[in-house]
Amino acid sequence: MRVKLSYTVEEEDVLSEAAKLVSLVSDDMQQAVNLFSAAQRELLGKNDTTDDGIVNLKKALEMIEEYRRALFNIDTRLSEVTEIVRGYDDYEKKKLEAERSETISEVFPHLGDMYGAD
């Protein structure tokens, strides 16, 4: 069963933490690359133990299923990192907008009195 984790980091560490999370898929990525090649060889009857043209369908199907699981793990992790990076981007945009609004209020203190005041 998969569970969702949550933890807190400093604002300036968000992207480096996201990079660490991406690096966690390196084993799955390598496994996927290996299975990609191995499944093709097996389906062509050119497996690691023999080159006799005999296809072990059960083994090929197992490899394909394992390949799919590796891709799922990669996709899940990348989706999670995407959420983190988008959330960080939204946060940064809102922070910048708030800073701009504050600067405008400081430069033009009476602007708020002219617009929107009832």
PDB file of N, CA and C in Angstrom:
ATOM      1  N   MET A   1       0.839  -1.166   0.000  1.00  0.00           N
ATOM      2  CA  MET A   1       0.000   0.000   0.000  1.00  0.00           C
ATOM      3  C   MET A   1       0.895   1.243   0.000  1.00  0.00           C
ATOM      4  N   ARG A   2       0.492   2.207  -0.763  1.00  0.00           N
ATOM      5  CA  ARG A   2       1.236   3.459  -0.838  1.00  0.00           C
ATOM      6  C   ARG A   2       0.590   4.455   0.111  1.00  0.00           C
ATOM      7  N   VAL A   3       1.427   5.221   0.816  1.00  0.00           N
ATOM      8  CA  VAL A   3       0.936   6.279   1.698  1.00  0.00           C
ATOM      9  C   VAL A   3       1.614   7.581   1.317  1.00  0.00           C
ATOM     10  N   LYS A   4       0.939   8.679   1.581  1.00  0.00           N
ATOM     11  CA  LYS A   4       1.473   9.992   1.247  1.00  0.00           C
ATOM     12  C   LYS A   4       2.180  10.553   2.476  1.00  0.00           C
ATOM     13  N   LEU A   5       3.391  11.069   2.277  1.00  0.00           N
ATOM     14  CA  LEU A   5       4.171  11.677   3.345  1.00  0.00           C
ATOM     15  C   LEU A   5       4.191  13.182   3.171  1.00  0.00           C
ATOM     16  N   SER A   6       4.430  13.861   4.268  1.00  0.00           N
ATOM     17  CA  SER A   6       4.528  15.312   4.235  1.00  0.00           C
ATOM     18  C   SER A   6       5.615  15.726   5.217  1.00  0.00           C
ATOM     19  N   TYR A   7       6.442  16.690   4.831  1.00  0.00           N
ATOM     20  CA  TYR A   7       7.429  17.222   5.756  1.00  0.00           C
ATOM     21  C   TYR A   7       7.743  18.662   5.388  1.00  0.00           C
ATOM     22  N   THR A   8       8.395  19.355   6.295  1.00  0.00           N
ATOM     23  CA  THR A   8       8.631  20.787   6.157  1.00  0.00           C
ATOM     24  C   THR A   8      10.111  21.057   5.932  1.00  0.00           C
ATOM     25  N   VAL A   9      10.400  21.973   5.010  1.00  0.00           N
ATOM     26  CA  VAL A   9      11.770  22.429   4.772  1.00  0.00           C
ATOM     27  C   VAL A   9      11.757  23.950   4.698  1.00  0.00           C
ATOM     28  N   GLU A  10      12.920  24.533   4.808  1.00  0.00           N
ATOM     29  CA  GLU A  10      13.044  25.977   4.651  1.00  0.00           C
ATOM     30  C   GLU A  10      12.702  26.355   3.216  1.00  0.00           C
ATOM     31  N   GLU A  11      12.183  27.552   3.058  1.00  0.00           N
ATOM     32  CA  GLU A  11      11.766  28.042   1.737  1.00  0.00           C
ATOM     33  C   GLU A  11      12.879  27.904   0.698  1.00  0.00           C
ATOM     34  N   GLU A  12      14.084  28.250   1.088  1.00  0.00           N
ATOM     35  CA  GLU A  12      15.190  28.212   0.125  1.00  0.00           C
ATOM     36  C   GLU A  12      15.649  26.789  -0.211  1.00  0.00           C
ATOM     37  N   ASP A  13      15.141  25.801   0.526  1.00  0.00           N
ATOM     38  CA  ASP A  13      15.539  24.412   0.295  1.00  0.00           C
ATOM     39  C   ASP A  13      14.521  23.609  -0.520  1.00  0.00           C
ATOM     40  N   VAL A  14      13.419  24.230  -0.906  1.00  0.00           N
ATOM     41  CA  VAL A  14      12.347  23.494  -1.587  1.00  0.00           C
ATOM     42  C   VAL A  14      12.841  22.846  -2.876  1.00  0.00           C
ATOM     43  N   LEU A  15      13.516  23.612  -3.714  1.00  0.00           N
ATOM     44  CA  LEU A  15      13.943  23.057  -5.008  1.00  0.00           C
ATOM     45  C   LEU A  15      15.031  22.005  -4.853  1.00  0.00           C
ATOM     46  N   SER A  16      15.934  22.184  -3.893  1.00  0.00           N
ATOM     47  CA  SER A  16      16.960  21.152  -3.693  1.00  0.00           C
ATOM     48  C   SER A  16      16.329  19.873  -3.141  1.00  0.00           C
ATOM     49  N   GLU A  17      15.301  20.005  -2.310  1.00  0.00           N
ATOM     50  CA  GLU A  17      14.572  18.822  -1.834  1.00  0.00           C
ATOM     51  C   GLU A  17      13.838  18.143  -2.984  1.00  0.00           C
ATOM     52  N   ALA A  18      13.269  18.944  -3.878  1.00  0.00           N
ATOM     53  CA  ALA A  18      12.598  18.378  -5.055  1.00  0.00           C
ATOM     54  C   ALA A  18      13.604  17.598  -5.902  1.00  0.00           C
ATOM     55  N   ALA A  19      14.806  18.144  -6.034  1.00  0.00           N
ATOM     56  CA  ALA A  19      15.853  17.450  -6.795  1.00  0.00           C
ATOM     57  C   ALA A  19      16.216  16.121  -6.130  1.00  0.00           C
ATOM     58  N   LYS A  20      16.270  16.106  -4.804  1.00  0.00           N
ATOM     59  CA  LYS A  20      16.554  14.854  -4.089  1.00  0.00           C
ATOM     60  C   LYS A  20      15.459  13.821  -4.350  1.00  0.00           C
ATOM     61  N   LEU A  21      14.217  14.284  -4.368  1.00  0.00           N
ATOM     62  CA  LEU A  21      13.107  13.364  -4.631  1.00  0.00           C
ATOM     63  C   LEU A  21      13.186  12.793  -6.044  1.00  0.00           C
ATOM     64  N   VAL A  22      13.591  13.621  -6.999  1.00  0.00           N
ATOM     65  CA  VAL A  22      13.766  13.122  -8.373  1.00  0.00           C
ATOM     66  C   VAL A  22      14.855  12.058  -8.401  1.00  0.00           C
ATOM     67  N   SER A  23      15.934  12.297  -7.655  1.00  0.00           N
ATOM     68  CA  SER A  23      17.044  11.333  -7.676  1.00  0.00           C
ATOM     69  C   SER A  23      16.647   9.980  -7.093  1.00  0.00           C
ATOM     70  N   LEU A  24      15.593   9.948  -6.297  1.00  0.00           N
ATOM     71  CA  LEU A  24      15.154   8.678  -5.710  1.00  0.00           C
ATOM     72  C   LEU A  24      14.619   7.698  -6.743  1.00  0.00           C
ATOM     73  N   VAL A  25      14.306   8.168  -7.935  1.00  0.00           N
ATOM     74  CA  VAL A  25      13.802   7.262  -8.972  1.00  0.00           C
ATOM     75  C   VAL A  25      14.926   6.685  -9.829  1.00  0.00           C
ATOM     76  N   SER A  26      16.163   6.984  -9.492  1.00  0.00           N
ATOM     77  CA  SER A  26      17.263   6.526 -10.349  1.00  0.00           C
ATOM     78  C   SER A  26      17.319   5.001 -10.454  1.00  0.00           C
ATOM     79  N   ASP A  27      17.082   4.290  -9.350  1.00  0.00           N
ATOM     80  CA  ASP A  27      17.088   2.821  -9.406  1.00  0.00           C
ATOM     81  C   ASP A  27      15.957   2.302 -10.289  1.00  0.00           C
ATOM     82  N   ASP A  28      14.762   2.884 -10.126  1.00  0.00           N
ATOM     83  CA  ASP A  28      13.634   2.478 -10.969  1.00  0.00           C
ATOM     84  C   ASP A  28      13.906   2.810 -12.432  1.00  0.00           C
ATOM     85  N   MET A  29      14.549   3.942 -12.667  1.00  0.00           N
ATOM     86  CA  MET A  29      14.864   4.342 -14.042  1.00  0.00           C
ATOM     87  C   MET A  29      15.836   3.343 -14.673  1.00  0.00           C
ATOM     88  N   GLN A  30      16.871   2.973 -13.933  1.00  0.00           N
ATOM     89  CA  GLN A  30      17.841   2.010 -14.456  1.00  0.00           C
ATOM     90  C   GLN A  30      17.181   0.654 -14.684  1.00  0.00           C
ATOM     91  N   GLN A  31      16.334   0.256 -13.739  1.00  0.00           N
ATOM     92  CA  GLN A  31      15.614  -1.010 -13.886  1.00  0.00           C
ATOM     93  C   GLN A  31      14.717  -0.972 -15.123  1.00  0.00           C
ATOM     94  N   ALA A  32      14.043   0.147 -15.346  1.00  0.00           N
ATOM     95  CA  ALA A  32      13.162   0.276 -16.513  1.00  0.00           C
ATOM     96  C   ALA A  32      13.953   0.163 -17.806  1.00  0.00           C
ATOM     97  N   VAL A  33      15.103   0.806 -17.862  1.00  0.00           N
ATOM     98  CA  VAL A  33      15.942   0.736 -19.067  1.00  0.00           C
ATOM     99  C   VAL A  33      16.382  -0.707 -19.311  1.00  0.00           C
ATOM    100  N   ASN A  34      16.825  -1.375 -18.256  1.00  0.00           N
ATOM    101  CA  ASN A  34      17.265  -2.768 -18.393  1.00  0.00           C
ATOM    102  C   ASN A  34      16.115  -3.683 -18.822  1.00  0.00           C
ATOM    103  N   LEU A  35      14.956  -3.500 -18.206  1.00  0.00           N
ATOM    104  CA  LEU A  35      13.799  -4.329 -18.553  1.00  0.00           C
ATOM    105  C   LEU A  35      13.304  -4.051 -19.963  1.00  0.00           C
ATOM    106  N   PHE A  36      13.393  -2.812 -20.389  1.00  0.00           N
ATOM    107  CA  PHE A  36      13.006  -2.434 -21.749  1.00  0.00           C
ATOM    108  C   PHE A  36      13.787  -3.271 -22.764  1.00  0.00           C
ATOM    109  N   SER A  37      15.100  -3.340 -22.559  1.00  0.00           N
ATOM    110  CA  SER A  37      15.958  -4.109 -23.471  1.00  0.00           C
ATOM    111  C   SER A  37      15.756  -5.612 -23.302  1.00  0.00           C
ATOM    112  N   ALA A  38      15.683  -6.057 -22.051  1.00  0.00           N
ATOM    113  CA  ALA A  38      15.562  -7.489 -21.784  1.00  0.00           C
ATOM    114  C   ALA A  38      14.247  -8.055 -22.317  1.00  0.00           C
ATOM    115  N   ALA A  39      13.164  -7.326 -22.163  1.00  0.00           N
ATOM    116  CA  ALA A  39      11.866  -7.804 -22.657  1.00  0.00           C
ATOM    117  C   ALA A  39      11.886  -7.924 -24.176  1.00  0.00           C
ATOM    118  N   GLN A  40      12.507  -6.975 -24.837  1.00  0.00           N
ATOM    119  CA  GLN A  40      12.611  -7.053 -26.301  1.00  0.00           C
ATOM    120  C   GLN A  40      13.436  -8.266 -26.720  1.00  0.00           C
ATOM    121  N   ARG A  41      14.576  -8.473 -26.039  1.00  0.00           N
ATOM    122  CA  ARG A  41      15.420  -9.631 -26.371  1.00  0.00           C
ATOM    123  C   ARG A  41      14.659 -10.934 -26.146  1.00  0.00           C
ATOM    124  N   GLU A  42      13.921 -10.983 -25.031  1.00  0.00           N
ATOM    125  CA  GLU A  42      13.162 -12.201 -24.724  1.00  0.00           C
ATOM    126  C   GLU A  42      12.107 -12.459 -25.793  1.00  0.00           C
ATOM    127  N   LEU A  43      11.411 -11.437 -26.217  1.00  0.00           N
ATOM    128  CA  LEU A  43      10.372 -11.599 -27.247  1.00  0.00           C
ATOM    129  C   LEU A  43      10.959 -11.986 -28.604  1.00  0.00           C
ATOM    130  N   LEU A  44      12.213 -11.651 -28.825  1.00  0.00           N
ATOM    131  CA  LEU A  44      12.892 -12.026 -30.069  1.00  0.00           C
ATOM    132  C   LEU A  44      13.605 -13.373 -29.953  1.00  0.00           C
ATOM    133  N   GLY A  45      13.543 -13.983 -28.761  1.00  0.00           N
ATOM    134  CA  GLY A  45      14.221 -15.259 -28.554  1.00  0.00           C
ATOM    135  C   GLY A  45      15.722 -15.102 -28.423  1.00  0.00           C
ATOM    136  N   LYS A  46      16.157 -13.929 -28.058  1.00  0.00           N
ATOM    137  CA  LYS A  46      17.590 -13.654 -27.886  1.00  0.00           C
ATOM    138  C   LYS A  46      17.852 -13.271 -26.436  1.00  0.00           C
ATOM    139  N   ASN A  47      17.451 -14.150 -25.527  1.00  0.00           N
ATOM    140  CA  ASN A  47      17.583 -13.832 -24.107  1.00  0.00           C
ATOM    141  C   ASN A  47      19.017 -14.000 -23.628  1.00  0.00           C
ATOM    142  N   ASP A  48      19.233 -13.740 -22.341  1.00  0.00           N
ATOM    143  CA  ASP A  48      20.587 -13.737 -21.786  1.00  0.00           C
ATOM    144  C   ASP A  48      21.227 -15.122 -21.725  1.00  0.00           C
ATOM    145  N   THR A  49      20.422 -16.172 -21.633  1.00  0.00           N
ATOM    146  CA  THR A  49      20.988 -17.510 -21.469  1.00  0.00           C
ATOM    147  C   THR A  49      21.127 -18.272 -22.778  1.00  0.00           C
ATOM    148  N   THR A  50      20.334 -17.914 -23.761  1.00  0.00           N
ATOM    149  CA  THR A  50      20.384 -18.641 -25.028  1.00  0.00           C
ATOM    150  C   THR A  50      20.002 -17.724 -26.181  1.00  0.00           C
ATOM    151  N   ASP A  51      20.448 -18.081 -27.347  1.00  0.00           N
ATOM    152  CA  ASP A  51      20.128 -17.291 -28.544  1.00  0.00           C
ATOM    153  C   ASP A  51      19.489 -18.220 -29.577  1.00  0.00           C
ATOM    154  N   ASP A  52      18.640 -19.134 -29.074  1.00  0.00           N
ATOM    155  CA  ASP A  52      18.090 -20.173 -29.937  1.00  0.00           C
ATOM    156  C   ASP A  52      16.766 -19.805 -30.597  1.00  0.00           C
ATOM    157  N   GLY A  53      16.278 -18.600 -30.369  1.00  0.00           N
ATOM    158  CA  GLY A  53      15.032 -18.164 -30.987  1.00  0.00           C
ATOM    159  C   GLY A  53      13.782 -18.621 -30.259  1.00  0.00           C
ATOM    160  N   ILE A  54      13.959 -19.357 -29.169  1.00  0.00           N
ATOM    161  CA  ILE A  54      12.800 -19.809 -28.394  1.00  0.00           C
ATOM    162  C   ILE A  54      12.388 -18.696 -27.436  1.00  0.00           C
ATOM    163  N   VAL A  55      11.115 -18.349 -27.506  1.00  0.00           N
ATOM    164  CA  VAL A  55      10.593 -17.264 -26.676  1.00  0.00           C
ATOM    165  C   VAL A  55       9.918 -17.845 -25.441  1.00  0.00           C
ATOM    166  N   ASN A  56      10.334 -17.381 -24.275  1.00  0.00           N
ATOM    167  CA  ASN A  56       9.691 -17.758 -23.022  1.00  0.00           C
ATOM    168  C   ASN A  56       8.634 -16.687 -22.734  1.00  0.00           C
ATOM    169  N   LEU A  57       7.400 -16.974 -23.151  1.00  0.00           N
ATOM    170  CA  LEU A  57       6.324 -15.987 -23.025  1.00  0.00           C
ATOM    171  C   LEU A  57       6.045 -15.599 -21.581  1.00  0.00           C
ATOM    172  N   LYS A  58       6.094 -16.577 -20.682  1.00  0.00           N
ATOM    173  CA  LYS A  58       5.846 -16.271 -19.268  1.00  0.00           C
ATOM    174  C   LYS A  58       6.885 -15.275 -18.757  1.00  0.00           C
ATOM    175  N   LYS A  59       8.128 -15.525 -19.079  1.00  0.00           N
ATOM    176  CA  LYS A  59       9.198 -14.628 -18.643  1.00  0.00           C
ATOM    177  C   LYS A  59       9.048 -13.252 -19.294  1.00  0.00           C
ATOM    178  N   ALA A  60       8.699 -13.221 -20.566  1.00  0.00           N
ATOM    179  CA  ALA A  60       8.518 -11.944 -21.264  1.00  0.00           C
ATOM    180  C   ALA A  60       7.395 -11.140 -20.622  1.00  0.00           C
ATOM    181  N   LEU A  61       6.285 -11.804 -20.310  1.00  0.00           N
ATOM    182  CA  LEU A  61       5.163 -11.112 -19.671  1.00  0.00           C
ATOM    183  C   LEU A  61       5.530 -10.610 -18.276  1.00  0.00           C
ATOM    184  N   GLU A  62       6.290 -11.409 -17.534  1.00  0.00           N
ATOM    185  CA  GLU A  62       6.747 -10.972 -16.210  1.00  0.00           C
ATOM    186  C   GLU A  62       7.642  -9.740 -16.326  1.00  0.00           C
ATOM    187  N   MET A  63       8.525  -9.744 -17.315  1.00  0.00           N
ATOM    188  CA  MET A  63       9.403  -8.588 -17.535  1.00  0.00           C
ATOM    189  C   MET A  63       8.599  -7.338 -17.889  1.00  0.00           C
ATOM    190  N   ILE A  64       7.615  -7.518 -18.746  1.00  0.00           N
ATOM    191  CA  ILE A  64       6.783  -6.378 -19.151  1.00  0.00           C
ATOM    192  C   ILE A  64       6.023  -5.831 -17.947  1.00  0.00           C
ATOM    193  N   GLU A  65       5.497  -6.723 -17.114  1.00  0.00           N
ATOM    194  CA  GLU A  65       4.766  -6.275 -15.916  1.00  0.00           C
ATOM    195  C   GLU A  65       5.705  -5.548 -14.951  1.00  0.00           C
ATOM    196  N   GLU A  66       6.898  -6.075 -14.768  1.00  0.00           N
ATOM    197  CA  GLU A  66       7.882  -5.417 -13.901  1.00  0.00           C
ATOM    198  C   GLU A  66       8.292  -4.066 -14.484  1.00  0.00           C
ATOM    199  N   TYR A  67       8.430  -4.001 -15.790  1.00  0.00           N
ATOM    200  CA  TYR A  67       8.740  -2.747 -16.492  1.00  0.00           C
ATOM    201  C   TYR A  67       7.636  -1.718 -16.233  1.00  0.00           C
ATOM    202  N   ARG A  68       6.398  -2.152 -16.322  1.00  0.00           N
ATOM    203  CA  ARG A  68       5.260  -1.256 -16.083  1.00  0.00           C
ATOM    204  C   ARG A  68       5.263  -0.745 -14.640  1.00  0.00           C
ATOM    205  N   ARG A  69       5.591  -1.616 -13.685  1.00  0.00           N
ATOM    206  CA  ARG A  69       5.657  -1.177 -12.280  1.00  0.00           C
ATOM    207  C   ARG A  69       6.757  -0.145 -12.087  1.00  0.00           C
ATOM    208  N   ALA A  70       7.898  -0.359 -12.714  1.00  0.00           N
ATOM    209  CA  ALA A  70       8.994   0.607 -12.613  1.00  0.00           C
ATOM    210  C   ALA A  70       8.573   1.948 -13.207  1.00  0.00           C
ATOM    211  N   LEU A  71       7.906   1.909 -14.361  1.00  0.00           N
ATOM    212  CA  LEU A  71       7.429   3.151 -14.978  1.00  0.00           C
ATOM    213  C   LEU A  71       6.388   3.838 -14.097  1.00  0.00           C
ATOM    214  N   PHE A  72       5.519   3.051 -13.464  1.00  0.00           N
ATOM    215  CA  PHE A  72       4.521   3.616 -12.556  1.00  0.00           C
ATOM    216  C   PHE A  72       5.196   4.333 -11.394  1.00  0.00           C
ATOM    217  N   ASN A  73       6.215   3.693 -10.804  1.00  0.00           N
ATOM    218  CA  ASN A  73       6.942   4.311  -9.692  1.00  0.00           C
ATOM    219  C   ASN A  73       7.605   5.615 -10.123  1.00  0.00           C
ATOM    220  N   ILE A  74       8.186   5.606 -11.305  1.00  0.00           N
ATOM    221  CA  ILE A  74       8.825   6.813 -11.831  1.00  0.00           C
ATOM    222  C   ILE A  74       7.779   7.901 -12.040  1.00  0.00           C
ATOM    223  N   ASP A  75       6.685   7.547 -12.692  1.00  0.00           N
ATOM    224  CA  ASP A  75       5.637   8.522 -12.981  1.00  0.00           C
ATOM    225  C   ASP A  75       5.036   9.096 -11.698  1.00  0.00           C
ATOM    226  N   THR A  76       4.806   8.238 -10.714  1.00  0.00           N
ATOM    227  CA  THR A  76       4.239   8.701  -9.445  1.00  0.00           C
ATOM    228  C   THR A  76       5.165   9.703  -8.777  1.00  0.00           C
ATOM    229  N   ARG A  77       6.439   9.377  -8.700  1.00  0.00           N
ATOM    230  CA  ARG A  77       7.400  10.278  -8.046  1.00  0.00           C
ATOM    231  C   ARG A  77       7.508  11.592  -8.805  1.00  0.00           C
ATOM    232  N   LEU A  78       7.571  11.531 -10.124  1.00  0.00           N
ATOM    233  CA  LEU A  78       7.673  12.765 -10.914  1.00  0.00           C
ATOM    234  C   LEU A  78       6.407  13.607 -10.787  1.00  0.00           C
ATOM    235  N   SER A  79       5.266  12.969 -10.674  1.00  0.00           N
ATOM    236  CA  SER A  79       4.015  13.695 -10.461  1.00  0.00           C
ATOM    237  C   SER A  79       4.040  14.416  -9.116  1.00  0.00           C
ATOM    238  N   GLU A  80       4.545  13.747  -8.095  1.00  0.00           N
ATOM    239  CA  GLU A  80       4.654  14.365  -6.774  1.00  0.00           C
ATOM    240  C   GLU A  80       5.604  15.555  -6.802  1.00  0.00           C
ATOM    241  N   VAL A  81       6.721  15.396  -7.465  1.00  0.00           N
ATOM    242  CA  VAL A  81       7.684  16.499  -7.565  1.00  0.00           C
ATOM    243  C   VAL A  81       7.080  17.657  -8.350  1.00  0.00           C
ATOM    244  N   THR A  82       6.321  17.344  -9.386  1.00  0.00           N
ATOM    245  CA  THR A  82       5.648  18.391 -10.158  1.00  0.00           C
ATOM    246  C   THR A  82       4.720  19.201  -9.261  1.00  0.00           C
ATOM    247  N   GLU A  83       3.961  18.521  -8.405  1.00  0.00           N
ATOM    248  CA  GLU A  83       3.073  19.222  -7.473  1.00  0.00           C
ATOM    249  C   GLU A  83       3.864  20.143  -6.552  1.00  0.00           C
ATOM    250  N   ILE A  84       4.977  19.671  -6.049  1.00  0.00           N
ATOM    251  CA  ILE A  84       5.809  20.466  -5.149  1.00  0.00           C
ATOM    252  C   ILE A  84       6.336  21.699  -5.868  1.00  0.00           C
ATOM    253  N   VAL A  85       6.871  21.509  -7.069  1.00  0.00           N
ATOM    254  CA  VAL A  85       7.456  22.625  -7.820  1.00  0.00           C
ATOM    255  C   VAL A  85       6.378  23.631  -8.217  1.00  0.00           C
ATOM    256  N   ARG A  86       5.222  23.155  -8.635  1.00  0.00           N
ATOM    257  CA  ARG A  86       4.125  24.081  -8.976  1.00  0.00           C
ATOM    258  C   ARG A  86       3.668  24.857  -7.745  1.00  0.00           C
ATOM    259  N   GLY A  87       3.555  24.175  -6.621  1.00  0.00           N
ATOM    260  CA  GLY A  87       3.179  24.849  -5.379  1.00  0.00           C
ATOM    261  C   GLY A  87       4.186  25.914  -4.998  1.00  0.00           C
ATOM    262  N   TYR A  88       5.456  25.586  -5.146  1.00  0.00           N
ATOM    263  CA  TYR A  88       6.515  26.552  -4.852  1.00  0.00           C
ATOM    264  C   TYR A  88       6.442  27.736  -5.811  1.00  0.00           C
ATOM    265  N   ASP A  89       6.212  27.460  -7.083  1.00  0.00           N
ATOM    266  CA  ASP A  89       6.096  28.526  -8.082  1.00  0.00           C
ATOM    267  C   ASP A  89       4.914  29.442  -7.755  1.00  0.00           C
ATOM    268  N   ASP A  90       3.780  28.860  -7.401  1.00  0.00           N
ATOM    269  CA  ASP A  90       2.611  29.664  -7.007  1.00  0.00           C
ATOM    270  C   ASP A  90       2.931  30.528  -5.795  1.00  0.00           C
ATOM    271  N   TYR A  91       3.605  29.939  -4.812  1.00  0.00           N
ATOM    272  CA  TYR A  91       3.991  30.675  -3.608  1.00  0.00           C
ATOM    273  C   TYR A  91       4.889  31.856  -3.965  1.00  0.00           C
ATOM    274  N   GLU A  92       5.888  31.609  -4.807  1.00  0.00           N
ATOM    275  CA  GLU A  92       6.814  32.675  -5.204  1.00  0.00           C
ATOM    276  C   GLU A  92       6.094  33.787  -5.963  1.00  0.00           C
ATOM    277  N   LYS A  93       5.172  33.431  -6.838  1.00  0.00           N
ATOM    278  CA  LYS A  93       4.408  34.440  -7.590  1.00  0.00           C
ATOM    279  C   LYS A  93       3.560  35.288  -6.653  1.00  0.00           C
ATOM    280  N   LYS A  94       2.897  34.656  -5.689  1.00  0.00           N
ATOM    281  CA  LYS A  94       2.070  35.396  -4.733  1.00  0.00           C
ATOM    282  C   LYS A  94       2.930  36.300  -3.862  1.00  0.00           C
ATOM    283  N   LYS A  95       4.081  35.800  -3.470  1.00  0.00           N
ATOM    284  CA  LYS A  95       4.990  36.598  -2.652  1.00  0.00           C
ATOM    285  C   LYS A  95       5.463  37.819  -3.432  1.00  0.00           C
ATOM    286  N   LEU A  96       5.819  37.636  -4.687  1.00  0.00           N
ATOM    287  CA  LEU A  96       6.260  38.744  -5.535  1.00  0.00           C
ATOM    288  C   LEU A  96       5.140  39.751  -5.739  1.00  0.00           C
ATOM    289  N   GLU A  97       3.934  39.275  -5.964  1.00  0.00           N
ATOM    290  CA  GLU A  97       2.783  40.169  -6.143  1.00  0.00           C
ATOM    291  C   GLU A  97       2.523  40.977  -4.873  1.00  0.00           C
ATOM    292  N   ALA A  98       2.634  40.339  -3.719  1.00  0.00           N
ATOM    293  CA  ALA A  98       2.443  41.042  -2.449  1.00  0.00           C
ATOM    294  C   ALA A  98       3.514  42.113  -2.259  1.00  0.00           C
ATOM    295  N   GLU A  99       4.759  41.792  -2.628  1.00  0.00           N
ATOM    296  CA  GLU A  99       5.844  42.770  -2.526  1.00  0.00           C
ATOM    297  C   GLU A  99       5.602  43.949  -3.456  1.00  0.00           C
ATOM    298  N   ARG A 100       5.126  43.679  -4.651  1.00  0.00           N
ATOM    299  CA  ARG A 100       4.829  44.757  -5.603  1.00  0.00           C
ATOM    300  C   ARG A 100       3.704  45.646  -5.079  1.00  0.00           C
ATOM    301  N   SER A 101       2.660  45.032  -4.547  1.00  0.00           N
ATOM    302  CA  SER A 101       1.537  45.798  -4.005  1.00  0.00           C
ATOM    303  C   SER A 101       1.988  46.669  -2.844  1.00  0.00           C
ATOM    304  N   GLU A 102       2.852  46.122  -2.003  1.00  0.00           N
ATOM    305  CA  GLU A 102       3.369  46.882  -0.866  1.00  0.00           C
ATOM    306  C   GLU A 102       4.202  48.062  -1.347  1.00  0.00           C
ATOM    307  N   THR A 103       5.027  47.847  -2.362  1.00  0.00           N
ATOM    308  CA  THR A 103       5.853  48.921  -2.918  1.00  0.00           C
ATOM    309  C   THR A 103       4.977  50.016  -3.515  1.00  0.00           C
ATOM    310  N   ILE A 104       3.951  49.634  -4.245  1.00  0.00           N
ATOM    311  CA  ILE A 104       3.038  50.621  -4.845  1.00  0.00           C
ATOM    312  C   ILE A 104       2.352  51.419  -3.744  1.00  0.00           C
ATOM    313  N   SER A 105       1.941  50.750  -2.670  1.00  0.00           N
ATOM    314  CA  SER A 105       1.291  51.445  -1.556  1.00  0.00           C
ATOM    315  C   SER A 105       2.234  52.429  -0.885  1.00  0.00           C
ATOM    316  N   GLU A 106       3.516  52.083  -0.817  1.00  0.00           N
ATOM    317  CA  GLU A 106       4.491  52.981  -0.207  1.00  0.00           C
ATOM    318  C   GLU A 106       4.770  54.180  -1.100  1.00  0.00           C
ATOM    319  N   VAL A 107       4.851  53.954  -2.405  1.00  0.00           N
ATOM    320  CA  VAL A 107       5.158  55.030  -3.345  1.00  0.00           C
ATOM    321  C   VAL A 107       3.947  55.936  -3.546  1.00  0.00           C
ATOM    322  N   PHE A 108       2.776  55.346  -3.605  1.00  0.00           N
ATOM    323  CA  PHE A 108       1.533  56.096  -3.826  1.00  0.00           C
ATOM    324  C   PHE A 108       0.566  55.816  -2.670  1.00  0.00           C
ATOM    325  N   PRO A 109       0.808  56.394  -1.499  1.00  0.00           N
ATOM    326  CA  PRO A 109      -0.005  56.057  -0.333  1.00  0.00           C
ATOM    327  C   PRO A 109      -1.477  56.425  -0.469  1.00  0.00           C
ATOM    328  N   HIS A 110      -1.813  57.406  -1.274  1.00  0.00           N
ATOM    329  CA  HIS A 110      -3.204  57.838  -1.391  1.00  0.00           C
ATOM    330  C   HIS A 110      -3.940  57.122  -2.522  1.00  0.00           C
ATOM    331  N   LEU A 111      -3.267  56.243  -3.232  1.00  0.00           N
ATOM    332  CA  LEU A 111      -3.888  55.528  -4.340  1.00  0.00           C
ATOM    333  C   LEU A 111      -5.068  54.690  -3.856  1.00  0.00           C
ATOM    334  N   GLY A 112      -4.927  54.085  -2.699  1.00  0.00           N
ATOM    335  CA  GLY A 112      -6.007  53.279  -2.141  1.00  0.00           C
ATOM    336  C   GLY A 112      -7.230  54.108  -1.809  1.00  0.00           C
ATOM    337  N   ASP A 113      -7.026  55.377  -1.456  1.00  0.00           N
ATOM    338  CA  ASP A 113      -8.152  56.257  -1.143  1.00  0.00           C
ATOM    339  C   ASP A 113      -8.950  56.591  -2.396  1.00  0.00           C
ATOM    340  N   MET A 114      -8.279  56.620  -3.538  1.00  0.00           N
ATOM    341  CA  MET A 114      -8.939  57.009  -4.782  1.00  0.00           C
ATOM    342  C   MET A 114      -9.724  55.856  -5.398  1.00  0.00           C
ATOM    343  N   TYR A 115      -9.237  54.647  -5.255  1.00  0.00           N
ATOM    344  CA  TYR A 115      -9.875  53.492  -5.899  1.00  0.00           C
ATOM    345  C   TYR A 115     -10.384  52.517  -4.849  1.00  0.00           C
ATOM    346  N   GLY A 116     -11.593  52.132  -4.995  1.00  0.00           N
ATOM    347  CA  GLY A 116     -12.152  51.100  -4.141  1.00  0.00           C
ATOM    348  C   GLY A 116     -12.627  51.581  -2.790  1.00  0.00           C
ATOM    349  N   ALA A 117     -12.414  52.817  -2.462  1.00  0.00           N
ATOM    350  CA  ALA A 117     -12.889  53.332  -1.176  1.00  0.00           C
ATOM    351  C   ALA A 117     -14.332  53.772  -1.318  1.00  0.00           C
ATOM    352  N   ASP A 118     -15.179  53.293  -0.439  1.00  0.00           N
ATOM    353  CA  ASP A 118     -16.598  53.673  -0.505  1.00  0.00           C
ATOM    354  C   ASP A 118     -16.909  54.779   0.465  1.00  0.00           C
TER     355      ASP A 118
END
